Amino acid sequence: GQQFEETVLGSPQGGVISPLIANVYLDAFDQ
């Protein structure tokens, strides 16, 4: 709404670069 909230965790779903960030992050688990 009109309220600003800091993001201390996460990468927003809807962001163009978020899928790549998630893949890089979870690749450590895959390996």
PDB file of all heavy atoms in Angstrom:
ATOM      1  N   GLY A   1       0.852  -1.188   0.000  1.00  0.00           N
ATOM      2  CA  GLY A   1       0.000   0.000   0.000  1.00  0.00           C
ATOM      3  C   GLY A   1       0.885   1.234   0.000  1.00  0.00           C
ATOM      4  O   GLY A   1       1.699   1.441  -0.892  1.00  0.00           O
ATOM      5  N   GLN A   2       0.766   2.051   1.034  1.00  0.00           N
ATOM      6  CA  GLN A   2       1.609   3.234   1.182  1.00  0.00           C
ATOM      7  C   GLN A   2       2.699   3.026   2.227  1.00  0.00           C
ATOM      8  O   GLN A   2       3.409   3.965   2.579  1.00  0.00           O
ATOM      9  CB  GLN A   2       0.732   4.436   1.582  1.00  0.00           C
ATOM     10  CG  GLN A   2      -0.347   4.797   0.577  1.00  0.00           C
ATOM     11  CD  GLN A   2       0.228   5.168  -0.768  1.00  0.00           C
ATOM     12  OE1 GLN A   2       1.207   5.920  -0.845  1.00  0.00           O
ATOM     13  NE2 GLN A   2      -0.359   4.662  -1.856  1.00  0.00           N
ATOM     14  N   GLN A   3       2.845   1.805   2.712  1.00  0.00           N
ATOM     15  CA  GLN A   3       3.786   1.493   3.782  1.00  0.00           C
ATOM     16  C   GLN A   3       5.047   0.839   3.226  1.00  0.00           C
ATOM     17  O   GLN A   3       4.984  -0.168   2.524  1.00  0.00           O
ATOM     18  CB  GLN A   3       3.113   0.565   4.813  1.00  0.00           C
ATOM     19  CG  GLN A   3       3.941   0.291   6.060  1.00  0.00           C
ATOM     20  CD  GLN A   3       4.055   1.472   6.973  1.00  0.00           C
ATOM     21  OE1 GLN A   3       3.108   2.270   7.071  1.00  0.00           O
ATOM     22  NE2 GLN A   3       5.186   1.620   7.647  1.00  0.00           N
ATOM     23  N   PHE A   4       6.211   1.429   3.548  1.00  0.00           N
ATOM     24  CA  PHE A   4       7.488   0.863   3.137  1.00  0.00           C
ATOM     25  C   PHE A   4       7.958  -0.156   4.163  1.00  0.00           C
ATOM     26  O   PHE A   4       7.861   0.048   5.361  1.00  0.00           O
ATOM     27  CB  PHE A   4       8.544   1.963   2.986  1.00  0.00           C
ATOM     28  CG  PHE A   4       9.928   1.426   2.686  1.00  0.00           C
ATOM     29  CD1 PHE A   4      10.278   1.049   1.394  1.00  0.00           C
ATOM     30  CD2 PHE A   4      10.879   1.286   3.692  1.00  0.00           C
ATOM     31  CE1 PHE A   4      11.540   0.554   1.105  1.00  0.00           C
ATOM     32  CE2 PHE A   4      12.150   0.791   3.414  1.00  0.00           C
ATOM     33  CZ  PHE A   4      12.482   0.428   2.111  1.00  0.00           C
ATOM     34  N   GLU A   5       8.467  -1.290   3.648  1.00  0.00           N
ATOM     35  CA  GLU A   5       8.973  -2.343   4.520  1.00  0.00           C
ATOM     36  C   GLU A   5      10.340  -2.801   4.006  1.00  0.00           C
ATOM     37  O   GLU A   5      10.503  -3.073   2.825  1.00  0.00           O
ATOM     38  CB  GLU A   5       7.993  -3.523   4.545  1.00  0.00           C
ATOM     39  CG  GLU A   5       8.278  -4.574   5.563  1.00  0.00           C
ATOM     40  CD  GLU A   5       7.204  -5.643   5.611  1.00  0.00           C
ATOM     41  OE1 GLU A   5       6.107  -5.368   6.134  1.00  0.00           O
ATOM     42  OE2 GLU A   5       7.459  -6.755   5.093  1.00  0.00           O
ATOM     43  N   GLU A   6      11.313  -2.847   4.898  1.00  0.00           N
ATOM     44  CA  GLU A   6      12.646  -3.303   4.525  1.00  0.00           C
ATOM     45  C   GLU A   6      12.629  -4.794   4.173  1.00  0.00           C
ATOM     46  O   GLU A   6      11.804  -5.552   4.697  1.00  0.00           O
ATOM     47  CB  GLU A   6      13.640  -3.060   5.654  1.00  0.00           C
ATOM     48  CG  GLU A   6      13.953  -1.602   5.919  1.00  0.00           C
ATOM     49  CD  GLU A   6      15.022  -1.439   6.973  1.00  0.00           C
ATOM     50  OE1 GLU A   6      15.452  -2.450   7.573  1.00  0.00           O
ATOM     51  OE2 GLU A   6      15.451  -0.297   7.206  1.00  0.00           O
ATOM     52  N   THR A   7      13.536  -5.188   3.302  1.00  0.00           N
ATOM     53  CA  THR A   7      13.693  -6.601   2.958  1.00  0.00           C
ATOM     54  C   THR A   7      15.047  -7.077   3.455  1.00  0.00           C
ATOM     55  O   THR A   7      16.082  -6.756   2.876  1.00  0.00           O
ATOM     56  CB  THR A   7      13.579  -6.817   1.442  1.00  0.00           C
ATOM     57  OG1 THR A   7      14.386  -5.847   0.752  1.00  0.00           O
ATOM     58  CG2 THR A   7      12.141  -6.684   0.982  1.00  0.00           C
ATOM     59  N   VAL A   8      15.042  -7.826   4.540  1.00  0.00           N
ATOM     60  CA  VAL A   8      16.284  -8.352   5.108  1.00  0.00           C
ATOM     61  C   VAL A   8      16.528  -9.787   4.658  1.00  0.00           C
ATOM     62  O   VAL A   8      17.627 -10.321   4.824  1.00  0.00           O
ATOM     63  CB  VAL A   8      16.257  -8.276   6.654  1.00  0.00           C
ATOM     64  CG1 VAL A   8      16.209  -6.837   7.113  1.00  0.00           C
ATOM     65  CG2 VAL A   8      15.065  -9.040   7.218  1.00  0.00           C
ATOM     66  N   LEU A   9      15.484 -10.407   4.094  1.00  0.00           N
ATOM     67  CA  LEU A   9      15.597 -11.753   3.551  1.00  0.00           C
ATOM     68  C   LEU A   9      14.877 -11.816   2.217  1.00  0.00           C
ATOM     69  O   LEU A   9      13.968 -11.041   1.945  1.00  0.00           O
ATOM     70  CB  LEU A   9      14.968 -12.789   4.495  1.00  0.00           C
ATOM     71  CG  LEU A   9      15.695 -13.209   5.761  1.00  0.00           C
ATOM     72  CD1 LEU A   9      14.793 -14.150   6.561  1.00  0.00           C
ATOM     73  CD2 LEU A   9      17.018 -13.906   5.453  1.00  0.00           C
ATOM     74  N   GLY A  10      15.267 -12.770   1.399  1.00  0.00           N
ATOM     75  CA  GLY A  10      14.496 -13.096   0.212  1.00  0.00           C
ATOM     76  C   GLY A  10      14.831 -12.280  -1.019  1.00  0.00           C
ATOM     77  O   GLY A  10      15.498 -11.249  -0.978  1.00  0.00           O
ATOM     78  N   SER A  11      14.336 -12.806  -2.144  1.00  0.00           N
ATOM     79  CA  SER A  11      14.397 -12.145  -3.437  1.00  0.00           C
ATOM     80  C   SER A  11      12.987 -12.193  -4.004  1.00  0.00           C
ATOM     81  O   SER A  11      12.414 -13.278  -4.126  1.00  0.00           O
ATOM     82  CB  SER A  11      15.380 -12.868  -4.370  1.00  0.00           C
ATOM     83  OG  SER A  11      15.511 -12.199  -5.611  1.00  0.00           O
ATOM     84  N   PRO A  12      12.384 -11.061  -4.328  1.00  0.00           N
ATOM     85  CA  PRO A  12      10.954 -11.025  -4.629  1.00  0.00           C
ATOM     86  C   PRO A  12      10.561 -11.854  -5.847  1.00  0.00           C
ATOM     87  O   PRO A  12      11.184 -11.731  -6.909  1.00  0.00           O
ATOM     88  CB  PRO A  12      10.674  -9.538  -4.876  1.00  0.00           C
ATOM     89  CG  PRO A  12      11.997  -8.952  -5.252  1.00  0.00           C
ATOM     90  CD  PRO A  12      13.022  -9.735  -4.475  1.00  0.00           C
ATOM     91  N   GLN A  13       9.544 -12.701  -5.684  1.00  0.00           N
ATOM     92  CA  GLN A  13       8.961 -13.370  -6.834  1.00  0.00           C
ATOM     93  C   GLN A  13       8.297 -12.307  -7.703  1.00  0.00           C
ATOM     94  O   GLN A  13       7.476 -11.552  -7.244  1.00  0.00           O
ATOM     95  CB  GLN A  13       7.933 -14.410  -6.375  1.00  0.00           C
ATOM     96  CG  GLN A  13       8.515 -15.576  -5.638  1.00  0.00           C
ATOM     97  CD  GLN A  13       7.493 -16.676  -5.419  1.00  0.00           C
ATOM     98  OE1 GLN A  13       7.044 -17.306  -6.342  1.00  0.00           O
ATOM     99  NE2 GLN A  13       7.157 -16.917  -4.163  1.00  0.00           N
ATOM    100  N   GLY A  14       8.626 -12.262  -8.928  1.00  0.00           N
ATOM    101  CA  GLY A  14       8.197 -11.204  -9.826  1.00  0.00           C
ATOM    102  C   GLY A  14       9.373 -10.417 -10.349  1.00  0.00           C
ATOM    103  O   GLY A  14       9.274  -9.745 -11.377  1.00  0.00           O
ATOM    104  N   GLY A  15      10.497 -10.499  -9.633  1.00  0.00           N
ATOM    105  CA  GLY A  15      11.713  -9.857 -10.102  1.00  0.00           C
ATOM    106  C   GLY A  15      12.342 -10.653 -11.232  1.00  0.00           C
ATOM    107  O   GLY A  15      12.375 -11.892 -11.204  1.00  0.00           O
ATOM    108  N   VAL A  16      12.868  -9.956 -12.224  1.00  0.00           N
ATOM    109  CA  VAL A  16      13.439 -10.616 -13.396  1.00  0.00           C
ATOM    110  C   VAL A  16      14.636 -11.478 -13.026  1.00  0.00           C
ATOM    111  O   VAL A  16      14.838 -12.568 -13.564  1.00  0.00           O
ATOM    112  CB  VAL A  16      13.852  -9.563 -14.443  1.00  0.00           C
ATOM    113  CG1 VAL A  16      14.574 -10.213 -15.617  1.00  0.00           C
ATOM    114  CG2 VAL A  16      12.634  -8.790 -14.934  1.00  0.00           C
ATOM    115  N   ILE A  17      15.426 -11.018 -12.080  1.00  0.00           N
ATOM    116  CA  ILE A  17      16.658 -11.709 -11.739  1.00  0.00           C
ATOM    117  C   ILE A  17      16.471 -12.732 -10.628  1.00  0.00           C
ATOM    118  O   ILE A  17      17.374 -13.537 -10.356  1.00  0.00           O
ATOM    119  CB  ILE A  17      17.763 -10.689 -11.356  1.00  0.00           C
ATOM    120  CG1 ILE A  17      19.150 -11.305 -11.587  1.00  0.00           C
ATOM    121  CG2 ILE A  17      17.566 -10.173  -9.923  1.00  0.00           C
ATOM    122  CD1 ILE A  17      20.258 -10.275 -11.548  1.00  0.00           C
ATOM    123  N   SER A  18      15.297 -12.753  -9.979  1.00  0.00           N
ATOM    124  CA  SER A  18      15.063 -13.663  -8.855  1.00  0.00           C
ATOM    125  C   SER A  18      15.219 -15.137  -9.208  1.00  0.00           C
ATOM    126  O   SER A  18      15.789 -15.902  -8.435  1.00  0.00           O
ATOM    127  CB  SER A  18      13.686 -13.397  -8.239  1.00  0.00           C
ATOM    128  OG  SER A  18      13.648 -12.134  -7.611  1.00  0.00           O
ATOM    129  N   PRO A  19      14.716 -15.608 -10.369  1.00  0.00           N
ATOM    130  CA  PRO A  19      14.917 -17.030 -10.696  1.00  0.00           C
ATOM    131  C   PRO A  19      16.383 -17.427 -10.774  1.00  0.00           C
ATOM    132  O   PRO A  19      16.762 -18.507 -10.317  1.00  0.00           O
ATOM    133  CB  PRO A  19      14.224 -17.172 -12.058  1.00  0.00           C
ATOM    134  CG  PRO A  19      13.203 -16.084 -12.078  1.00  0.00           C
ATOM    135  CD  PRO A  19      13.820 -14.950 -11.347  1.00  0.00           C
ATOM    136  N   LEU A  20      17.229 -16.564 -11.352  1.00  0.00           N
ATOM    137  CA  LEU A  20      18.660 -16.865 -11.422  1.00  0.00           C
ATOM    138  C   LEU A  20      19.260 -16.893 -10.021  1.00  0.00           C
ATOM    139  O   LEU A  20      20.071 -17.775  -9.706  1.00  0.00           O
ATOM    140  CB  LEU A  20      19.380 -15.837 -12.292  1.00  0.00           C
ATOM    141  CG  LEU A  20      20.915 -15.963 -12.338  1.00  0.00           C
ATOM    142  CD1 LEU A  20      21.325 -17.313 -12.923  1.00  0.00           C
ATOM    143  CD2 LEU A  20      21.527 -14.815 -13.137  1.00  0.00           C
ATOM    144  N   ILE A  21      18.884 -15.934  -9.186  1.00  0.00           N
ATOM    145  CA  ILE A  21      19.382 -15.904  -7.811  1.00  0.00           C
ATOM    146  C   ILE A  21      19.020 -17.198  -7.088  1.00  0.00           C
ATOM    147  O   ILE A  21      19.867 -17.803  -6.412  1.00  0.00           O
ATOM    148  CB  ILE A  21      18.808 -14.684  -7.059  1.00  0.00           C
ATOM    149  CG1 ILE A  21      19.437 -13.389  -7.597  1.00  0.00           C
ATOM    150  CG2 ILE A  21      19.043 -14.804  -5.557  1.00  0.00           C
ATOM    151  CD1 ILE A  21      18.797 -12.121  -7.049  1.00  0.00           C
ATOM    152  N   ALA A  22      17.778 -17.651  -7.240  1.00  0.00           N
ATOM    153  CA  ALA A  22      17.341 -18.883  -6.583  1.00  0.00           C
ATOM    154  C   ALA A  22      18.113 -20.085  -7.104  1.00  0.00           C
ATOM    155  O   ALA A  22      18.490 -20.974  -6.329  1.00  0.00           O
ATOM    156  CB  ALA A  22      15.839 -19.073  -6.791  1.00  0.00           C
ATOM    157  N   ASN A  23      18.365 -20.138  -8.408  1.00  0.00           N
ATOM    158  CA  ASN A  23      19.110 -21.262  -8.970  1.00  0.00           C
ATOM    159  C   ASN A  23      20.551 -21.292  -8.467  1.00  0.00           C
ATOM    160  O   ASN A  23      21.090 -22.360  -8.168  1.00  0.00           O
ATOM    161  CB  ASN A  23      19.084 -21.207 -10.496  1.00  0.00           C
ATOM    162  CG  ASN A  23      17.863 -21.902 -11.089  1.00  0.00           C
ATOM    163  OD1 ASN A  23      17.280 -22.797 -10.485  1.00  0.00           O
ATOM    164  ND2 ASN A  23      17.481 -21.492 -12.295  1.00  0.00           N
ATOM    165  N   VAL A  24      21.194 -20.130  -8.401  1.00  0.00           N
ATOM    166  CA  VAL A  24      22.558 -20.067  -7.878  1.00  0.00           C
ATOM    167  C   VAL A  24      22.573 -20.496  -6.414  1.00  0.00           C
ATOM    168  O   VAL A  24      23.453 -21.240  -5.970  1.00  0.00           O
ATOM    169  CB  VAL A  24      23.135 -18.635  -8.040  1.00  0.00           C
ATOM    170  CG1 VAL A  24      24.473 -18.513  -7.307  1.00  0.00           C
ATOM    171  CG2 VAL A  24      23.317 -18.298  -9.520  1.00  0.00           C
ATOM    172  N   TYR A  25      21.591 -20.038  -5.670  1.00  0.00           N
ATOM    173  CA  TYR A  25      21.494 -20.356  -4.240  1.00  0.00           C
ATOM    174  C   TYR A  25      21.290 -21.857  -4.022  1.00  0.00           C
ATOM    175  O   TYR A  25      21.976 -22.475  -3.202  1.00  0.00           O
ATOM    176  CB  TYR A  25      20.319 -19.574  -3.649  1.00  0.00           C
ATOM    177  CG  TYR A  25      20.300 -19.484  -2.137  1.00  0.00           C
ATOM    178  CD1 TYR A  25      20.895 -18.410  -1.485  1.00  0.00           C
ATOM    179  CD2 TYR A  25      19.657 -20.437  -1.358  1.00  0.00           C
ATOM    180  CE1 TYR A  25      20.847 -18.286  -0.103  1.00  0.00           C
ATOM    181  CE2 TYR A  25      19.615 -20.329   0.018  1.00  0.00           C
ATOM    182  CZ  TYR A  25      20.210 -19.249   0.645  1.00  0.00           C
ATOM    183  OH  TYR A  25      20.172 -19.139   2.022  1.00  0.00           O
ATOM    184  N   LEU A  26      20.348 -22.452  -4.755  1.00  0.00           N
ATOM    185  CA  LEU A  26      20.000 -23.855  -4.553  1.00  0.00           C
ATOM    186  C   LEU A  26      20.958 -24.816  -5.249  1.00  0.00           C
ATOM    187  O   LEU A  26      20.922 -26.019  -4.974  1.00  0.00           O
ATOM    188  CB  LEU A  26      18.564 -24.115  -5.021  1.00  0.00           C
ATOM    189  CG  LEU A  26      17.473 -23.508  -4.129  1.00  0.00           C
ATOM    190  CD1 LEU A  26      16.096 -23.637  -4.778  1.00  0.00           C
ATOM    191  CD2 LEU A  26      17.457 -24.184  -2.755  1.00  0.00           C
ATOM    192  N   ASP A  27      21.801 -24.303  -6.154  1.00  0.00           N
ATOM    193  CA  ASP A  27      22.776 -25.185  -6.787  1.00  0.00           C
ATOM    194  C   ASP A  27      23.738 -25.776  -5.758  1.00  0.00           C
ATOM    195  O   ASP A  27      24.245 -26.890  -5.956  1.00  0.00           O
ATOM    196  CB  ASP A  27      23.550 -24.435  -7.868  1.00  0.00           C
ATOM    197  CG  ASP A  27      24.460 -25.364  -8.663  1.00  0.00           C
ATOM    198  OD1 ASP A  27      23.938 -26.275  -9.328  1.00  0.00           O
ATOM    199  OD2 ASP A  27      25.688 -25.178  -8.585  1.00  0.00           O
ATOM    200  N   ALA A  28      23.989 -25.045  -4.673  1.00  0.00           N
ATOM    201  CA  ALA A  28      24.836 -25.588  -3.609  1.00  0.00           C
ATOM    202  C   ALA A  28      24.215 -26.858  -3.036  1.00  0.00           C
ATOM    203  O   ALA A  28      24.910 -27.832  -2.747  1.00  0.00           O
ATOM    204  CB  ALA A  28      25.027 -24.538  -2.514  1.00  0.00           C
ATOM    205  N   PHE A  29      22.892 -26.856  -2.883  1.00  0.00           N
ATOM    206  CA  PHE A  29      22.182 -28.056  -2.433  1.00  0.00           C
ATOM    207  C   PHE A  29      22.286 -29.171  -3.476  1.00  0.00           C
ATOM    208  O   PHE A  29      22.553 -30.334  -3.133  1.00  0.00           O
ATOM    209  CB  PHE A  29      20.712 -27.722  -2.160  1.00  0.00           C
ATOM    210  CG  PHE A  29      19.816 -28.923  -2.067  1.00  0.00           C
ATOM    211  CD1 PHE A  29      19.792 -29.698  -0.927  1.00  0.00           C
ATOM    212  CD2 PHE A  29      18.992 -29.284  -3.129  1.00  0.00           C
ATOM    213  CE1 PHE A  29      18.967 -30.822  -0.841  1.00  0.00           C
ATOM    214  CE2 PHE A  29      18.166 -30.395  -3.053  1.00  0.00           C
ATOM    215  CZ  PHE A  29      18.153 -31.159  -1.909  1.00  0.00           C
ATOM    216  N   ASP A  30      22.056 -28.819  -4.747  1.00  0.00           N
ATOM    217  CA  ASP A  30      22.131 -29.820  -5.820  1.00  0.00           C
ATOM    218  C   ASP A  30      23.485 -30.524  -5.817  1.00  0.00           C
ATOM    219  O   ASP A  30      23.567 -31.759  -5.906  1.00  0.00           O
ATOM    220  CB  ASP A  30      21.904 -29.157  -7.176  1.00  0.00           C
ATOM    221  CG  ASP A  30      20.552 -28.470  -7.296  1.00  0.00           C
ATOM    222  OD1 ASP A  30      19.654 -28.778  -6.481  1.00  0.00           O
ATOM    223  OD2 ASP A  30      20.401 -27.628  -8.198  1.00  0.00           O
ATOM    224  N   GLN A  31      24.559 -29.745  -5.739  1.00  0.00           N
ATOM    225  CA  GLN A  31      25.903 -30.310  -5.787  1.00  0.00           C
ATOM    226  C   GLN A  31      26.207 -31.132  -4.536  1.00  0.00           C
ATOM    227  O   GLN A  31      26.906 -32.162  -4.616  1.00  0.00           O
ATOM    228  CB  GLN A  31      26.947 -29.198  -5.959  1.00  0.00           C
ATOM    229  CG  GLN A  31      26.756 -28.326  -7.198  1.00  0.00           C
ATOM    230  CD  GLN A  31      26.847 -29.105  -8.502  1.00  0.00           C
ATOM    231  OE1 GLN A  31      27.382 -30.221  -8.569  1.00  0.00           O
ATOM    232  NE2 GLN A  31      26.319 -28.524  -9.583  1.00  0.00           N
TER     233      GLN A  31
END
